[in-house]
Amino acid sequence: MGMRAPLRPALRFWLAQLLLYFRRADAALALLREVARERPDHQQAWSTIGFVLAERGELAAALDAFDRALALDPRDSGTHFNVGYVLQQQGRHEEALAALERAVAADPANDRAWFGAGLSLVRLSRLEEAAARFEEAARLQPFNPYAAYELAAVYHRLGRPEKVRAQYERVKGFDPKVSERIRREFGVAVR
């Protein structure tokens, strides 16, 4: 019986994606590292390595992998978003905001990046700017109850009860749990 040739890097990359789908992160990471060793220019491998490491809480190593991915493709919105997410986990909100703004610049339709930028702006107490980011996230993804909740929270802090009510009314039709949370936490009177 002859020996089998090893799978090509592209096939191993997709096998790693399948392993991630089945929550086999350690096996996926091992394959992704093999791919990156053989093909150091495989941007998606580096980005996915960063994602897996971030999920494992290895934030510094995740940022290193994301840096490798961005060196290969500086316009990758998803990787910029992931950098922002990791920086938020580290409490580095100014840097996170910069990464998330790069994600938005690379792909203005990236609703998660708009939302993430809003979260960092809230942490930086820049509420007017946060509201604008959450509004855009909600516009891009109208059925995102989290954008509505965060908008309601920002408008509550800004003293704009009519805007809080608008978010309550908007989300009431598709997510009763979040609408009830908005009503309860921010004092929206039921009509």
Protein backbone atom coordinates (compact mmCIF):
# COMPACT_ATOMS: atom_id res chain seq x y z
CA MET A 1 0.00 0.00 0.00
CA GLY A 2 1.45 3.37 -1.07
CA MET A 3 1.69 6.50 1.05
CA ARG A 4 -0.81 9.26 0.54
CA ALA A 5 0.32 12.71 -0.42
CA PRO A 6 -0.46 15.35 2.21
CA LEU A 7 -3.45 17.55 1.53
CA ARG A 8 -2.70 20.80 -0.23
CA PRO A 9 -2.78 23.95 1.92
CA ALA A 10 -6.06 25.12 0.39
CA LEU A 11 -7.77 21.85 1.28
CA ARG A 12 -6.32 21.89 4.78
CA PHE A 13 -7.58 25.44 5.23
CA TRP A 14 -11.13 24.36 4.36
CA LEU A 15 -10.82 21.24 6.51
CA ALA A 16 -9.87 23.56 9.39
CA GLN A 17 -13.01 25.62 8.70
CA LEU A 18 -15.07 22.45 8.90
CA LEU A 19 -13.39 21.47 12.17
CA LEU A 20 -14.22 24.92 13.58
CA TYR A 21 -17.84 24.40 12.57
CA PHE A 22 -17.84 21.21 14.64
CA ARG A 23 -16.13 23.01 17.54
CA ARG A 24 -12.80 21.22 17.19
CA ALA A 25 -10.70 24.34 17.65
CA ASP A 26 -7.46 22.63 18.68
CA ALA A 27 -7.40 20.40 15.61
CA ALA A 28 -8.35 23.34 13.39
CA LEU A 29 -5.62 25.52 14.86
CA ALA A 30 -3.01 22.84 14.23
CA LEU A 31 -4.06 22.61 10.57
CA LEU A 32 -4.16 26.38 10.18
CA ARG A 33 -0.65 26.68 11.60
CA GLU A 34 0.57 24.07 9.09
CA VAL A 35 -1.01 26.07 6.27
CA ALA A 36 0.59 29.30 7.50
CA ARG A 37 4.01 27.63 7.77
CA GLU A 38 3.80 26.32 4.22
CA ARG A 39 2.09 29.38 2.79
CA PRO A 40 3.08 32.42 4.88
CA ASP A 41 1.13 34.55 2.37
CA HIS A 42 -2.20 32.82 3.17
CA GLN A 43 -4.05 35.82 4.60
CA GLN A 44 -7.19 33.88 5.53
CA ALA A 45 -5.16 31.33 7.48
CA TRP A 46 -3.54 34.07 9.56
CA SER A 47 -6.86 35.80 10.14
CA THR A 48 -8.53 32.55 11.19
CA ILE A 49 -5.61 31.69 13.48
CA GLY A 50 -6.15 35.07 15.14
CA PHE A 51 -9.85 34.37 15.51
CA VAL A 52 -9.27 30.97 17.12
CA LEU A 53 -6.64 32.39 19.48
CA ALA A 54 -8.97 35.25 20.46
CA GLU A 55 -11.73 32.75 21.22
CA ARG A 56 -9.27 30.86 23.46
CA GLY A 57 -8.41 34.08 25.30
CA GLU A 58 -4.88 34.27 23.90
CA LEU A 59 -5.33 37.92 23.00
CA ALA A 60 -1.71 38.98 22.43
CA ALA A 61 -1.09 36.02 20.13
CA ALA A 62 -4.38 36.75 18.34
CA LEU A 63 -3.27 40.34 17.68
CA ASP A 64 0.03 39.05 16.28
CA ALA A 65 -1.82 36.75 13.88
CA PHE A 66 -4.18 39.54 12.85
CA ASP A 67 -1.17 41.80 12.20
CA ARG A 68 0.24 39.13 9.86
CA ALA A 69 -3.12 38.93 8.06
CA LEU A 70 -3.40 42.71 7.71
CA ALA A 71 0.16 42.96 6.38
CA LEU A 72 -1.04 40.71 3.55
CA ASP A 73 -4.38 42.49 3.01
CA PRO A 74 -4.72 45.85 4.78
CA ARG A 75 -8.26 46.31 3.39
CA ASP A 76 -9.74 43.21 5.08
CA SER A 77 -12.68 44.62 7.02
CA GLY A 78 -13.28 41.40 8.95
CA THR A 79 -9.75 41.27 10.30
CA HIS A 80 -9.87 44.95 11.30
CA PHE A 81 -13.13 44.17 13.10
CA ASN A 82 -11.51 41.26 14.93
CA VAL A 83 -8.59 43.47 15.99
CA GLY A 84 -11.10 45.97 17.36
CA TYR A 85 -12.92 43.24 19.24
CA VAL A 86 -9.71 41.96 20.85
CA LEU A 87 -8.62 45.47 21.79
CA GLN A 88 -12.03 46.04 23.40
CA GLN A 89 -11.52 42.87 25.45
CA GLN A 90 -8.28 44.39 26.67
CA GLY A 91 -9.98 47.68 27.56
CA ARG A 92 -8.01 49.56 24.90
CA HIS A 93 -10.98 51.47 23.52
CA GLU A 94 -9.17 54.27 21.65
CA GLU A 95 -7.17 51.68 19.71
CA ALA A 96 -10.26 49.50 19.28
CA LEU A 97 -12.16 52.46 17.86
CA ALA A 98 -9.37 53.12 15.35
CA ALA A 99 -9.42 49.47 14.21
CA LEU A 100 -13.21 49.46 13.94
CA GLU A 101 -13.16 52.70 11.94
CA ARG A 102 -10.67 51.04 9.57
CA ALA A 103 -13.11 48.13 9.25
CA VAL A 104 -15.89 50.57 8.34
CA ALA A 105 -13.65 52.37 5.85
CA ALA A 106 -12.82 49.05 4.19
CA ASP A 107 -16.47 47.94 4.12
CA PRO A 108 -19.13 50.54 4.96
CA ALA A 109 -21.75 47.76 5.04
CA ASN A 110 -20.02 45.99 7.96
CA ASP A 111 -22.77 46.51 10.55
CA ARG A 112 -20.77 44.71 13.25
CA ALA A 113 -17.96 47.26 12.86
CA TRP A 114 -20.39 50.17 13.22
CA PHE A 115 -21.86 48.50 16.31
CA GLY A 116 -18.42 47.80 17.80
CA ALA A 117 -17.36 51.39 17.20
CA GLY A 118 -20.47 52.49 19.09
CA LEU A 119 -19.53 50.28 22.04
CA SER A 120 -16.04 51.75 22.25
CA LEU A 121 -17.42 55.28 21.97
CA VAL A 122 -19.77 54.57 24.89
CA ARG A 123 -16.79 53.40 26.96
CA LEU A 124 -15.02 56.64 26.00
CA SER A 125 -18.14 58.65 27.05
CA ARG A 126 -18.58 60.01 23.52
CA LEU A 127 -22.31 59.38 23.49
CA GLU A 128 -23.40 61.52 20.52
CA GLU A 129 -20.87 59.76 18.31
CA ALA A 130 -21.90 56.39 19.75
CA ALA A 131 -25.54 57.08 18.88
CA ALA A 132 -24.57 57.82 15.28
CA ARG A 133 -22.65 54.52 15.02
CA PHE A 134 -25.52 52.51 16.53
CA GLU A 135 -27.99 54.26 14.20
CA GLU A 136 -25.92 53.16 11.22
CA ALA A 137 -25.63 49.60 12.57
CA ALA A 138 -29.42 49.53 12.99
CA ARG A 139 -29.95 50.92 9.50
CA LEU A 140 -27.71 48.26 7.98
CA GLN A 141 -29.23 45.47 10.08
CA PRO A 142 -32.79 46.59 10.93
CA PHE A 143 -33.61 43.44 12.88
CA ASN A 144 -30.64 43.71 15.23
CA PRO A 145 -32.18 44.05 18.70
CA TYR A 146 -28.79 44.77 20.26
CA ALA A 147 -28.35 47.94 18.21
CA ALA A 148 -31.81 49.07 19.35
CA TYR A 149 -30.98 48.31 22.98
CA GLU A 150 -27.66 50.17 22.85
CA LEU A 151 -29.34 53.11 21.11
CA ALA A 152 -31.99 53.20 23.82
CA ALA A 153 -29.29 53.12 26.51
CA VAL A 154 -27.34 55.97 24.88
CA TYR A 155 -30.46 58.06 24.35
CA HIS A 156 -31.48 57.42 27.95
CA ARG A 157 -28.11 58.72 29.15
CA LEU A 158 -28.47 61.73 26.82
CA GLY A 159 -31.92 62.51 28.26
CA ARG A 160 -33.89 61.88 25.06
CA PRO A 161 -36.92 59.83 26.13
CA GLU A 162 -38.64 60.19 22.73
CA LYS A 163 -35.67 58.46 21.09
CA VAL A 164 -35.73 55.73 23.75
CA ARG A 165 -39.43 55.17 23.00
CA ALA A 166 -38.69 55.02 19.26
CA GLN A 167 -36.23 52.16 19.87
CA TYR A 168 -38.75 50.41 22.10
CA GLU A 169 -41.41 50.69 19.39
CA ARG A 170 -39.03 49.61 16.65
CA VAL A 171 -37.87 46.43 18.37
CA LYS A 172 -41.26 45.55 19.90
CA GLY A 173 -42.42 43.91 16.69
CA PHE A 174 -39.57 41.45 16.32
CA ASP A 175 -37.95 40.91 19.74
CA PRO A 176 -40.34 41.15 22.68
CA LYS A 177 -37.64 40.27 25.23
CA VAL A 178 -35.40 43.16 24.24
CA SER A 179 -38.33 45.56 23.96
CA GLU A 180 -39.41 44.59 27.48
CA ARG A 181 -35.87 45.11 28.72
CA ILE A 182 -35.81 48.59 27.14
CA ARG A 183 -39.21 49.38 28.69
CA ARG A 184 -38.17 48.19 32.13
CA GLU A 185 -34.62 49.57 32.28
CA PHE A 186 -35.29 52.95 30.72
CA GLY A 187 -38.79 53.67 32.03
CA VAL A 188 -40.77 53.58 28.80
CA ALA A 189 -44.47 53.96 29.59
CA VAL A 190 -46.68 51.44 27.81
CA ARG A 191 -49.45 53.04 25.76
